[in-house]
C-alpha atoms as a PDB file:
ATOM      1  CA  MET A   1     119.432  49.688 123.704  1.00  0.00           C
ATOM      2  CA  GLN A   2     118.880  48.339 119.804  1.00  0.00           C
ATOM      3  CA  ALA A   3     118.247  51.293 117.741  1.00  0.00           C
ATOM      4  CA  ILE A   4     119.371  55.074 117.822  1.00  0.00           C
ATOM      5  CA  ILE A   5     117.622  57.475 115.274  1.00  0.00           C
ATOM      6  CA  LEU A   6     119.040  60.603 114.994  1.00  0.00           C
ATOM      7  CA  ALA A   7     117.313  63.741 113.426  1.00  0.00           C
ATOM      8  CA  PRO A   8     118.170  67.352 112.805  1.00  0.00           C
ATOM      9  CA  THR A   9     115.349  69.246 115.160  1.00  0.00           C
ATOM     10  CA  HIS A  10     113.860  69.288 118.369  1.00  0.00           C
ATOM     11  CA  GLU A  11     110.223  68.900 116.917  1.00  0.00           C
ATOM     12  CA  LEU A  12     111.326  66.423 114.391  1.00  0.00           C
ATOM     13  CA  VAL A  13     112.740  64.305 117.407  1.00  0.00           C
ATOM     14  CA  MET A  14     109.178  64.685 119.578  1.00  0.00           C
ATOM     15  CA  GLN A  15     107.328  63.700 116.550  1.00  0.00           C
ATOM     16  CA  ILE A  16     109.584  60.860 115.920  1.00  0.00           C
ATOM     17  CA  ASP A  17     109.436  59.695 119.419  1.00  0.00           C
ATOM     18  CA  LYS A  18     105.444  60.247 119.487  1.00  0.00           C
ATOM     19  CA  GLN A  19     105.148  57.804 116.399  1.00  0.00           C
ATOM     20  CA  ILE A  20     107.058  55.421 118.049  1.00  0.00           C
ATOM     21  CA  LYS A  21     104.992  55.072 121.160  1.00  0.00           C
ATOM     22  CA  THR A  22     101.976  55.007 119.143  1.00  0.00           C
ATOM     23  CA  LEU A  23     103.149  51.987 117.106  1.00  0.00           C
ATOM     24  CA  ALA A  24     104.221  50.275 120.299  1.00  0.00           C
ATOM     25  CA  GLU A  25     100.761  50.667 121.832  1.00  0.00           C
ATOM     26  CA  ASN A  26      98.931  49.631 118.818  1.00  0.00           C
ATOM     27  CA  SER A  27     101.046  46.729 118.137  1.00  0.00           C
ATOM     28  CA  GLY A  28     100.995  45.034 121.839  1.00  0.00           C
ATOM     29  CA  ILE A  29     104.761  45.118 121.598  1.00  0.00           C
ATOM     30  CA  PRO A  30     106.477  46.276 125.079  1.00  0.00           C
ATOM     31  CA  MET A  31     108.858  48.675 123.109  1.00  0.00           C
ATOM     32  CA  LYS A  32     110.162  51.711 124.769  1.00  0.00           C
ATOM     33  CA  SER A  33     111.465  54.699 123.369  1.00  0.00           C
ATOM     34  CA  ILE A  34     112.979  57.982 124.631  1.00  0.00           C
ATOM     35  CA  SER A  35     113.735  61.307 123.337  1.00  0.00           C
ATOM     36  CA  ILE A  36     117.293  63.072 123.955  1.00  0.00           C
ATOM     37  CA  ILE A  37     117.790  66.616 122.701  1.00  0.00           C
ATOM     38  CA  GLY A  38     120.110  69.607 123.190  1.00  0.00           C
ATOM     39  CA  ASN A  39     119.913  72.385 125.746  1.00  0.00           C
ATOM     40  CA  VAL A  40     117.332  70.856 128.176  1.00  0.00           C
ATOM     41  CA  ASN A  41     118.378  69.294 131.936  1.00  0.00           C
ATOM     42  CA  ILE A  42     120.956  66.588 130.980  1.00  0.00           C
ATOM     43  CA  ASP A  43     120.145  64.605 134.519  1.00  0.00           C
ATOM     44  CA  ARG A  44     116.896  64.431 133.692  1.00  0.00           C
ATOM     45  CA  GLN A  45     117.667  62.582 130.516  1.00  0.00           C
ATOM     46  CA  ILE A  46     120.088  60.024 132.508  1.00  0.00           C
ATOM     47  CA  GLU A  47     117.175  59.568 134.739  1.00  0.00           C
ATOM     48  CA  LYS A  48     115.165  58.708 131.524  1.00  0.00           C
ATOM     49  CA  LEU A  49     117.812  56.194 130.320  1.00  0.00           C
ATOM     50  CA  ARG A  50     117.458  53.927 133.526  1.00  0.00           C
ATOM     51  CA  GLU A  51     114.277  52.699 132.205  1.00  0.00           C
ATOM     52  CA  LYS A  52     116.244  50.865 129.832  1.00  0.00           C
ATOM     53  CA  PRO A  53     114.644  52.165 126.365  1.00  0.00           C
ATOM     54  CA  GLN A  54     115.341  49.838 123.440  1.00  0.00           C
ATOM     55  CA  ILE A  55     115.450  52.917 121.060  1.00  0.00           C
ATOM     56  CA  ILE A  56     116.934  56.567 121.599  1.00  0.00           C
ATOM     57  CA  VAL A  57     115.408  59.338 119.055  1.00  0.00           C
ATOM     58  CA  GLY A  58     117.446  62.439 119.625  1.00  0.00           C
ATOM     59  CA  SER A  59     120.162  65.255 118.270  1.00  0.00           C
ATOM     60  CA  ALA A  60     123.589  63.786 117.436  1.00  0.00           C
ATOM     61  CA  GLY A  61     125.394  65.973 120.032  1.00  0.00           C
ATOM     62  CA  ARG A  62     123.236  65.224 123.054  1.00  0.00           C
ATOM     63  CA  ILE A  63     123.795  61.565 122.414  1.00  0.00           C
ATOM     64  CA  LEU A  64     127.338  61.490 121.712  1.00  0.00           C
ATOM     65  CA  GLU A  65     127.663  63.706 124.933  1.00  0.00           C
ATOM     66  CA  LEU A  66     125.719  60.701 126.913  1.00  0.00           C
ATOM     67  CA  ILE A  67     127.666  57.971 125.344  1.00  0.00           C
ATOM     68  CA  LYS A  68     131.036  59.668 126.624  1.00  0.00           C
ATOM     69  CA  LYS A  69     129.373  59.636 129.990  1.00  0.00           C
ATOM     70  CA  ARG A  70     129.069  56.185 129.628  1.00  0.00           C
ATOM     71  CA  LYS A  71     125.435  56.496 130.263  1.00  0.00           C
ATOM     72  CA  ILE A  72     124.657  55.606 126.716  1.00  0.00           C
ATOM     73  CA  ASN A  73     126.066  51.881 125.988  1.00  0.00           C
ATOM     74  CA  ALA A  74     126.469  52.022 122.218  1.00  0.00           C
ATOM     75  CA  GLN A  75     128.075  48.774 122.099  1.00  0.00           C
ATOM     76  CA  THR A  76     124.315  47.082 122.020  1.00  0.00           C
ATOM     77  CA  VAL A  77     123.259  48.875 119.373  1.00  0.00           C
ATOM     78  CA  LYS A  78     122.024  46.938 116.199  1.00  0.00           C
ATOM     79  CA  THR A  79     120.811  50.082 113.982  1.00  0.00           C
ATOM     80  CA  ILE A  80     121.416  53.321 113.243  1.00  0.00           C
ATOM     81  CA  VAL A  81     118.946  55.549 111.584  1.00  0.00           C
ATOM     82  CA  ILE A  82     119.858  59.043 110.103  1.00  0.00           C
ATOM     83  CA  ASP A  83     116.697  61.239 108.847  1.00  0.00           C
ATOM     84  CA  GLU A  84     116.613  63.986 106.908  1.00  0.00           C
ATOM     85  CA  GLY A  85     120.229  62.842 105.605  1.00  0.00           C
ATOM     86  CA  ASP A  86     120.929  65.484 103.534  1.00  0.00           C
ATOM     87  CA  ARG A  87     120.769  67.999 106.594  1.00  0.00           C
ATOM     88  CA  LEU A  88     122.982  65.710 108.899  1.00  0.00           C
ATOM     89  CA  LEU A  89     125.403  65.008 106.454  1.00  0.00           C
ATOM     90  CA  ASP A  90     125.775  68.540 105.560  1.00  0.00           C
ATOM     91  CA  ILE A  91     129.415  70.114 106.762  1.00  0.00           C
ATOM     92  CA  ASN A  92     127.786  71.298 109.726  1.00  0.00           C
ATOM     93  CA  ASN A  93     126.679  68.125 111.503  1.00  0.00           C
ATOM     94  CA  ILE A  94     128.932  65.556 109.639  1.00  0.00           C
ATOM     95  CA  ALA A  95     131.472  65.515 112.146  1.00  0.00           C
ATOM     96  CA  VAL A  96     129.101  64.589 115.385  1.00  0.00           C
ATOM     97  CA  VAL A  97     127.226  62.189 113.631  1.00  0.00           C
ATOM     98  CA  LYS A  98     130.628  60.515 112.432  1.00  0.00           C
ATOM     99  CA  ASP A  99     131.641  60.049 116.216  1.00  0.00           C
ATOM    100  CA  VAL A 100     128.168  58.480 116.937  1.00  0.00           C
ATOM    101  CA  ILE A 101     128.554  56.226 114.294  1.00  0.00           C
ATOM    102  CA  LYS A 102     132.092  55.443 115.535  1.00  0.00           C
ATOM    103  CA  THR A 103     131.143  54.436 119.160  1.00  0.00           C
ATOM    104  CA  THR A 104     129.001  51.520 117.737  1.00  0.00           C
ATOM    105  CA  GLN A 105     129.954  48.098 116.740  1.00  0.00           C
ATOM    106  CA  ARG A 106     131.113  47.656 112.851  1.00  0.00           C
ATOM    107  CA  ASP A 107     128.170  45.023 112.167  1.00  0.00           C
ATOM    108  CA  ARG A 108     125.403  47.160 112.954  1.00  0.00           C
ATOM    109  CA  GLN A 109     123.209  48.465 110.118  1.00  0.00           C
ATOM    110  CA  LEU A 110     123.059  51.848 109.160  1.00  0.00           C
ATOM    111  CA  MET A 111     119.983  53.556 107.587  1.00  0.00           C
ATOM    112  CA  LEU A 112     119.892  56.913 105.757  1.00  0.00           C
ATOM    113  CA  PHE A 113     116.734  58.594 104.723  1.00  0.00           C
ATOM    114  CA  SER A 114     115.665  61.967 103.239  1.00  0.00           C
ATOM    115  CA  ALA A 115     112.998  63.560 100.577  1.00  0.00           C
ATOM    116  CA  THR A 116     116.034  64.696  99.001  1.00  0.00           C
ATOM    117  CA  VAL A 117     119.493  63.459  98.481  1.00  0.00           C
ATOM    118  CA  ASN A 118     122.144  65.900  97.163  1.00  0.00           C
ATOM    119  CA  ASP A 119     125.416  64.426  95.732  1.00  0.00           C
ATOM    120  CA  ARG A 120     127.503  64.934  98.732  1.00  0.00           C
ATOM    121  CA  ALA A 121     125.580  63.378 101.112  1.00  0.00           C
ATOM    122  CA  MET A 122     125.033  60.464  98.760  1.00  0.00           C
ATOM    123  CA  THR A 123     128.799  60.109  98.611  1.00  0.00           C
ATOM    124  CA  VAL A 124     129.205  60.622 102.613  1.00  0.00           C
ATOM    125  CA  SER A 125     126.758  57.950 103.219  1.00  0.00           C
ATOM    126  CA  LYS A 126     128.154  55.625 100.799  1.00  0.00           C
ATOM    127  CA  GLU A 127     131.507  56.083 102.531  1.00  0.00           C
ATOM    128  CA  LEU A 128     129.947  55.282 105.982  1.00  0.00           C
ATOM    129  CA  MET A 129     127.957  52.353 104.616  1.00  0.00           C
ATOM    130  CA  LYS A 130     129.336  48.672 104.056  1.00  0.00           C
ATOM    131  CA  GLU A 131     128.193  47.384 100.341  1.00  0.00           C
ATOM    132  CA  ALA A 132     125.537  50.251 100.437  1.00  0.00           C
ATOM    133  CA  VAL A 133     122.001  49.915  98.831  1.00  0.00           C
ATOM    134  CA  VAL A 134     120.352  52.831  97.408  1.00  0.00           C
ATOM    135  CA  ILE A 135     116.417  52.592  97.265  1.00  0.00           C
ATOM    136  CA  LYS A 136     114.588  55.270  95.680  1.00  0.00           C
ATOM    137  CA  ALA A 137     110.971  56.171  95.236  1.00  0.00           C
ATOM    138  CA  GLU A 138     109.540  57.140  91.981  1.00  0.00           C
ATOM    139  CA  GLU A 139     110.613  61.077  91.711  1.00  0.00           C
ATOM    140  CA  GLN A 140     107.532  63.383  91.377  1.00  0.00           C
ATOM    141  CA  GLU A 141     107.991  66.645  90.531  1.00  0.00           C
ATOM    142  CA  LYS A 142     104.568  67.295  90.344  1.00  0.00           C
ATOM    143  CA  LEU A 143     102.523  69.670  93.095  1.00  0.00           C
ATOM    144  CA  ASN A 144      99.318  68.625  94.354  1.00  0.00           C
ATOM    145  CA  PRO A 145      96.450  69.261  91.966  1.00  0.00           C
ATOM    146  CA  ASN A 146      94.135  70.706  94.851  1.00  0.00           C
ATOM    147  CA  VAL A 147      96.856  73.038  95.728  1.00  0.00           C
ATOM    148  CA  GLU A 148      96.065  76.561  94.280  1.00  0.00           C
ATOM    149  CA  HIS A 149      99.556  78.972  93.760  1.00  0.00           C
ATOM    150  CA  LEU A 150      99.292  83.033  93.995  1.00  0.00           C
ATOM    151  CA  TYR A 151     101.942  85.438  94.536  1.00  0.00           C
ATOM    152  CA  PHE A 152     102.015  89.352  95.559  1.00  0.00           C
ATOM    153  CA  VAL A 153     104.585  91.839  94.163  1.00  0.00           C
ATOM    154  CA  SER A 154     106.158  93.825  96.563  1.00  0.00           C
ATOM    155  CA  GLU A 155     109.284  96.037  97.961  1.00  0.00           C
ATOM    156  CA  GLN A 156     111.156  93.438 100.464  1.00  0.00           C
ATOM    157  CA  ARG A 157     110.858  96.543 103.125  1.00  0.00           C
ATOM    158  CA  ASP A 158     107.000  96.011 102.794  1.00  0.00           C
ATOM    159  CA  LYS A 159     106.316  92.580 102.870  1.00  0.00           C
ATOM    160  CA  ILE A 160     105.325  92.302 106.579  1.00  0.00           C
ATOM    161  CA  GLU A 161     102.557  94.831 105.428  1.00  0.00           C
ATOM    162  CA  VAL A 162     101.588  93.065 103.089  1.00  0.00           C
ATOM    163  CA  LEU A 163     101.374  89.786 104.874  1.00  0.00           C
ATOM    164  CA  ARG A 164      99.166  91.340 107.575  1.00  0.00           C
ATOM    165  CA  LYS A 165      96.746  92.914 104.898  1.00  0.00           C
ATOM    166  CA  LEU A 166      96.207  89.160 103.359  1.00  0.00           C
ATOM    167  CA  ILE A 167      95.969  87.681 106.893  1.00  0.00           C
ATOM    168  CA  ALA A 168      93.388  90.606 107.620  1.00  0.00           C
ATOM    169  CA  SER A 169      91.707  89.669 104.513  1.00  0.00           C
ATOM    170  CA  MET A 170      91.602  85.954 104.405  1.00  0.00           C
ATOM    171  CA  GLU A 171      91.606  85.348 108.307  1.00  0.00           C
ATOM    172  CA  PRO A 172      92.974  82.144 107.995  1.00  0.00           C
ATOM    173  CA  GLU A 173      92.575  79.669 111.183  1.00  0.00           C
ATOM    174  CA  ARG A 174      96.059  78.490 110.991  1.00  0.00           C
ATOM    175  CA  ALA A 175      98.892  79.288 108.397  1.00  0.00           C
ATOM    176  CA  ILE A 176     102.644  78.617 108.258  1.00  0.00           C
ATOM    177  CA  VAL A 177     104.788  81.438 107.396  1.00  0.00           C
ATOM    178  CA  PHE A 178     108.264  80.566 105.473  1.00  0.00           C
ATOM    179  CA  ILE A 179     111.266  82.398 105.761  1.00  0.00           C
ATOM    180  CA  ASN A 180     114.761  81.372 104.807  1.00  0.00           C
ATOM    181  CA  LYS A 181     117.239  81.955 107.528  1.00  0.00           C
ATOM    182  CA  SER A 182     116.702  80.592 110.464  1.00  0.00           C
ATOM    183  CA  GLU A 183     118.170  83.390 112.781  1.00  0.00           C
ATOM    184  CA  GLU A 184     115.358  86.095 111.462  1.00  0.00           C
ATOM    185  CA  ILE A 185     112.681  84.227 112.696  1.00  0.00           C
ATOM    186  CA  GLU A 186     112.558  85.601 116.043  1.00  0.00           C
ATOM    187  CA  ASN A 187     112.728  89.020 114.414  1.00  0.00           C
ATOM    188  CA  ILE A 188     109.892  88.476 112.070  1.00  0.00           C
ATOM    189  CA  THR A 189     107.544  86.752 114.385  1.00  0.00           C
ATOM    190  CA  SER A 190     108.299  90.254 116.690  1.00  0.00           C
ATOM    191  CA  LYS A 191     107.185  92.345 113.779  1.00  0.00           C
ATOM    192  CA  LEU A 192     104.387  90.409 113.346  1.00  0.00           C
ATOM    193  CA  LYS A 193     103.263  90.590 116.829  1.00  0.00           C
ATOM    194  CA  PHE A 194     103.591  94.076 117.007  1.00  0.00           C
ATOM    195  CA  HIS A 195     100.726  94.167 114.252  1.00  0.00           C
ATOM    196  CA  LYS A 196      98.801  92.261 116.788  1.00  0.00           C
ATOM    197  CA  LEU A 197      98.799  89.175 114.930  1.00  0.00           C
ATOM    198  CA  ASN A 198      98.535  85.624 116.794  1.00  0.00           C
ATOM    199  CA  ALA A 199     102.224  84.453 115.874  1.00  0.00           C
ATOM    200  CA  LEU A 200     105.204  82.215 117.359  1.00  0.00           C
ATOM    201  CA  GLY A 201     108.190  80.885 115.482  1.00  0.00           C
ATOM    202  CA  ILE A 202     110.486  77.640 115.999  1.00  0.00           C
ATOM    203  CA  TYR A 203     114.067  78.223 115.814  1.00  0.00           C
ATOM    204  CA  GLY A 204     117.455  76.496 117.226  1.00  0.00           C
ATOM    205  CA  ALA A 205     117.911  79.172 119.756  1.00  0.00           C
ATOM    206  CA  ALA A 206     114.528  78.901 121.494  1.00  0.00           C
ATOM    207  CA  GLU A 207     113.974  77.121 124.697  1.00  0.00           C
ATOM    208  CA  LYS A 208     112.945  73.545 124.723  1.00  0.00           C
ATOM    209  CA  GLN A 209     109.552  74.906 126.290  1.00  0.00           C
ATOM    210  CA  ASP A 210     108.969  78.013 123.847  1.00  0.00           C
ATOM    211  CA  ARG A 211     109.165  75.514 120.749  1.00  0.00           C
ATOM    212  CA  GLN A 212     107.057  73.058 122.562  1.00  0.00           C
ATOM    213  CA  LYS A 213     104.187  75.485 123.283  1.00  0.00           C
ATOM    214  CA  ALA A 214     104.337  76.851 119.704  1.00  0.00           C
ATOM    215  CA  MET A 215     104.112  73.179 117.871  1.00  0.00           C
ATOM    216  CA  GLU A 216     101.268  72.439 120.491  1.00  0.00           C
ATOM    217  CA  SER A 217      99.189  75.997 120.116  1.00  0.00           C
ATOM    218  CA  PHE A 218      99.368  75.394 116.092  1.00  0.00           C
ATOM    219  CA  ARG A 219      98.641  72.036 116.001  1.00  0.00           C
ATOM    220  CA  ASN A 220      95.373  72.569 118.825  1.00  0.00           C
ATOM    221  CA  GLY A 221      94.097  75.808 116.559  1.00  0.00           C
ATOM    222  CA  LYS A 222      95.289  78.340 119.538  1.00  0.00           C
ATOM    223  CA  LEU A 223      98.118  79.750 117.566  1.00  0.00           C
ATOM    224  CA  GLN A 224      97.245  81.298 113.802  1.00  0.00           C
ATOM    225  CA  LEU A 225     100.828  81.792 112.489  1.00  0.00           C
ATOM    226  CA  LEU A 226     103.517  79.304 112.778  1.00  0.00           C
ATOM    227  CA  VAL A 227     106.702  81.055 111.545  1.00  0.00           C
ATOM    228  CA  ALA A 228     109.486  78.571 110.369  1.00  0.00           C
ATOM    229  CA  SER A 229     112.640  78.075 108.338  1.00  0.00           C
ATOM    230  CA  ASP A 230     112.948  74.793 105.572  1.00  0.00           C
ATOM    231  CA  LEU A 231     115.289  73.517 108.283  1.00  0.00           C
ATOM    232  CA  ALA A 232     112.898  73.999 111.321  1.00  0.00           C
ATOM    233  CA  ALA A 233     109.529  72.929 109.261  1.00  0.00           C
ATOM    234  CA  ARG A 234     111.572  69.681 107.641  1.00  0.00           C
ATOM    235  CA  GLY A 235     109.694  66.394 108.324  1.00  0.00           C
ATOM    236  CA  LEU A 236     107.054  68.064 110.553  1.00  0.00           C
ATOM    237  CA  ASP A 237     103.511  66.355 110.061  1.00  0.00           C
ATOM    238  CA  ILE A 238     101.153  68.639 110.632  1.00  0.00           C
ATOM    239  CA  THR A 239      97.662  68.388 109.446  1.00  0.00           C
ATOM    240  CA  ASP A 240      94.689  70.460 108.464  1.00  0.00           C
ATOM    241  CA  VAL A 241      97.127  73.831 107.286  1.00  0.00           C
ATOM    242  CA  PHE A 242      95.380  75.386 104.442  1.00  0.00           C
ATOM    243  CA  TYR A 243      97.636  78.357 103.973  1.00  0.00           C
ATOM    244  CA  ILE A 244     101.353  78.650 103.200  1.00  0.00           C
ATOM    245  CA  PHE A 245     102.642  81.958 103.039  1.00  0.00           C
ATOM    246  CA  ASN A 246     106.466  82.184 101.702  1.00  0.00           C
ATOM    247  CA  LEU A 247     107.614  85.739 103.192  1.00  0.00           C
ATOM    248  CA  ASP A 248     110.859  84.624 101.606  1.00  0.00           C
ATOM    249  CA  LEU A 249     111.113  83.003  98.156  1.00  0.00           C
ATOM    250  CA  PRO A 250     113.141  79.448  98.738  1.00  0.00           C
ATOM    251  CA  GLU A 251     116.485  79.448  97.302  1.00  0.00           C
ATOM    252  CA  ASP A 252     116.158  75.787  96.213  1.00  0.00           C
ATOM    253  CA  PRO A 253     113.226  75.099  93.679  1.00  0.00           C
ATOM    254  CA  LYS A 254     112.603  71.544  95.676  1.00  0.00           C
ATOM    255  CA  GLU A 255     112.069  73.269  98.911  1.00  0.00           C
ATOM    256  CA  TYR A 256     108.936  75.041  97.342  1.00  0.00           C
ATOM    257  CA  LEU A 257     107.721  71.460  96.953  1.00  0.00           C
ATOM    258  CA  HIS A 258     108.607  70.696 100.479  1.00  0.00           C
ATOM    259  CA  ARG A 259     106.923  73.901 101.766  1.00  0.00           C
ATOM    260  CA  ALA A 260     103.972  73.335  99.172  1.00  0.00           C
ATOM    261  CA  GLY A 261     103.526  70.025 100.751  1.00  0.00           C
ATOM    262  CA  ARG A 262     102.318  71.271 103.891  1.00  0.00           C
ATOM    263  CA  THR A 263      99.075  72.125 102.877  1.00  0.00           C
ATOM    264  CA  GLY A 264      96.553  70.029 100.781  1.00  0.00           C
ATOM    265  CA  ARG A 265      96.862  66.915 102.448  1.00  0.00           C
ATOM    266  CA  MET A 266      94.857  63.535 102.613  1.00  0.00           C
ATOM    267  CA  GLY A 267      92.915  64.932  99.225  1.00  0.00           C
ATOM    268  CA  LYS A 268      91.987  68.297 100.919  1.00  0.00           C
ATOM    269  CA  GLN A 269      92.153  71.916  99.539  1.00  0.00           C
ATOM    270  CA  GLY A 270      95.252  74.401  99.912  1.00  0.00           C
ATOM    271  CA  LEU A 271      96.777  77.625  99.205  1.00  0.00           C
ATOM    272  CA  VAL A 272     100.435  78.916  98.811  1.00  0.00           C
ATOM    273  CA  ILE A 273     100.974  82.313  98.866  1.00  0.00           C
ATOM    274  CA  SER A 274     104.735  84.066  97.559  1.00  0.00           C
ATOM    275  CA  LEU A 275     105.632  87.485  98.403  1.00  0.00           C
ATOM    276  CA  VAL A 276     108.217  88.554  96.045  1.00  0.00           C
ATOM    277  CA  THR A 277     110.305  91.331  94.835  1.00  0.00           C
ATOM    278  CA  GLU A 278     110.281  92.298  91.075  1.00  0.00           C
ATOM    279  CA  ARG A 279     113.498  90.566  90.969  1.00  0.00           C
ATOM    280  CA  GLU A 280     112.292  87.455  92.302  1.00  0.00           C
ATOM    281  CA  VAL A 281     109.441  87.220  89.688  1.00  0.00           C
ATOM    282  CA  GLU A 282     111.699  85.422  87.319  1.00  0.00           C
ATOM    283  CA  THR A 283     112.457  83.104  89.759  1.00  0.00           C
ATOM    284  CA  LEU A 284     108.826  81.986  90.210  1.00  0.00           C
ATOM    285  CA  LYS A 285     108.115  81.647  86.769  1.00  0.00           C
ATOM    286  CA  LYS A 286     111.030  79.133  86.551  1.00  0.00           C
ATOM    287  CA  TYR A 287     109.245  77.121  89.076  1.00  0.00           C
ATOM    288  CA  GLN A 288     106.036  77.653  87.306  1.00  0.00           C
ATOM    289  CA  SER A 289     107.653  75.799  84.281  1.00  0.00           C
ATOM    290  CA  SER A 290     109.671  73.230  86.419  1.00  0.00           C
ATOM    291  CA  PHE A 291     106.426  71.881  88.423  1.00  0.00           C
ATOM    292  CA  GLN A 292     104.066  72.718  85.656  1.00  0.00           C
ATOM    293  CA  ILE A 293     101.812  74.637  87.825  1.00  0.00           C
ATOM    294  CA  GLY A 294      99.968  77.959  87.305  1.00  0.00           C
ATOM    295  CA  ILE A 295     100.984  80.926  89.829  1.00  0.00           C
ATOM    296  CA  ALA A 296      98.742  83.510  89.361  1.00  0.00           C
ATOM    297  CA  GLN A 297      99.738  87.045  90.294  1.00  0.00           C
ATOM    298  CA  LYS A 298      97.159  88.813  92.793  1.00  0.00           C
ATOM    299  CA  GLU A 299      96.939  92.364  94.296  1.00  0.00           C
ATOM    300  CA  ILE A 300      95.830  93.381  97.666  1.00  0.00           C
ATOM    301  CA  TYR A 301      93.271  96.739  97.405  1.00  0.00           C
ATOM    302  CA  MET A 302      91.001  97.736  99.731  1.00  0.00           C
ATOM    303  CA  GLY A 303      91.148  94.709 101.972  1.00  0.00           C
ATOM    304  CA  ALA A 304      90.236  92.245  98.876  1.00  0.00           C
ATOM    305  CA  VAL A 305      92.526  90.105  96.888  1.00  0.00           C
ATOM    306  CA  VAL A 306      92.153  91.302  93.288  1.00  0.00           C
ATOM    307  CA  ASP A 307      93.656  90.646  89.777  1.00  0.00           C
ATOM    308  CA  PRO A 308      96.351  93.020  89.114  1.00  0.00           C
ATOM    309  CA  GLY A 309      94.616  96.660  88.010  1.00  0.00           C
ATOM    310  CA  THR A 310      91.323  95.698  88.984  1.00  0.00           C
ATOM    311  CA  LYS A 311      90.034  98.357  91.609  1.00  0.00           C
ATOM    312  CA  PRO A 312      86.351  97.088  92.717  1.00  0.00           C
ATOM    313  CA  GLU A 313      83.943  99.623  93.951  1.00  0.00           C
ATOM    314  CA  ASN A 314      82.253  99.131  97.221  1.00  0.00           C
ATOM    315  CA  LYS A 315      83.616  95.197  97.489  1.00  0.00           C
ATOM    316  CA  LYS A 316      83.891  93.782 100.528  1.00  0.00           C
ATOM    317  CA  PRO A 317      86.895  91.533 101.606  1.00  0.00           C
ATOM    318  CA  SER A 318      86.281  88.120 100.207  1.00  0.00           C
ATOM    319  CA  LYS A 319      87.403  86.327 103.811  1.00  0.00           C
ATOM    320  CA  SER A 320      87.821  82.437 103.817  1.00  0.00           C
ATOM    321  CA  LYS A 321      88.138  80.776 107.137  1.00  0.00           C
ATOM    322  CA  LYS A 322      89.742  77.688 105.921  1.00  0.00           C
END
């Protein structure tokens, strides 16, 4: 055992583990890694540990449990990586992360990575490290110029219906629907299914098999709509997503950047659509100013996306299957 990588979500754990396996295979280095997450059969994980992996990727709670059971020997660990550090060092996770760190030798290396690091996470990480070195990539507040931004004004209670109409008009092959609260994902997904939409959600309370099914179906094109919160989607790399729908406007401006970053990858085009109430329009305009982008207001009329006040006659809906 040489390294432990901690990540905040099951999907991110699986993604990191997959990348390690790909790197090991392509480099010809006989490096083994396994994923360890909660809410799954612990006996199977203990069986996998008998393969003597050099790297463990997982959730802090289950890894700590296996260390306490003496199934993971943390004394040989040379490096601990904390991915999405601002999440894992928040008030909900910091205690168990610290407990994992305490089980390792004092001379091990501790590394923290995150697209955004708030002041609290920075302070805590420096307290956990000896002679901490901070490396910052040059901050880029500008959004991808290949991505178009639109918004539709709606009453809060009507947002699902507006989304349904937009899906019917645009016919996206794949789209991510973002909401703010993880606990609402199951409810929103059920409402979309009620409208005969092909939707699944990724959220913490779901069974591992259901989460994997949702991600695999979305990646291979069998799922049209993936409903997620910012936490659930953080760090996920999903290619060829053209449409991003903000059913809720993110509370943190930088989360708008993260959401928009899920589309327009590798030089491709993308579209971010926000469904906002009248009160939220002002917040959206602040994002427009901060990120120096244009966010155009549109309406849905007789199945067509039009400029406000425009009512085209005998116009068929413009549809895109990107």
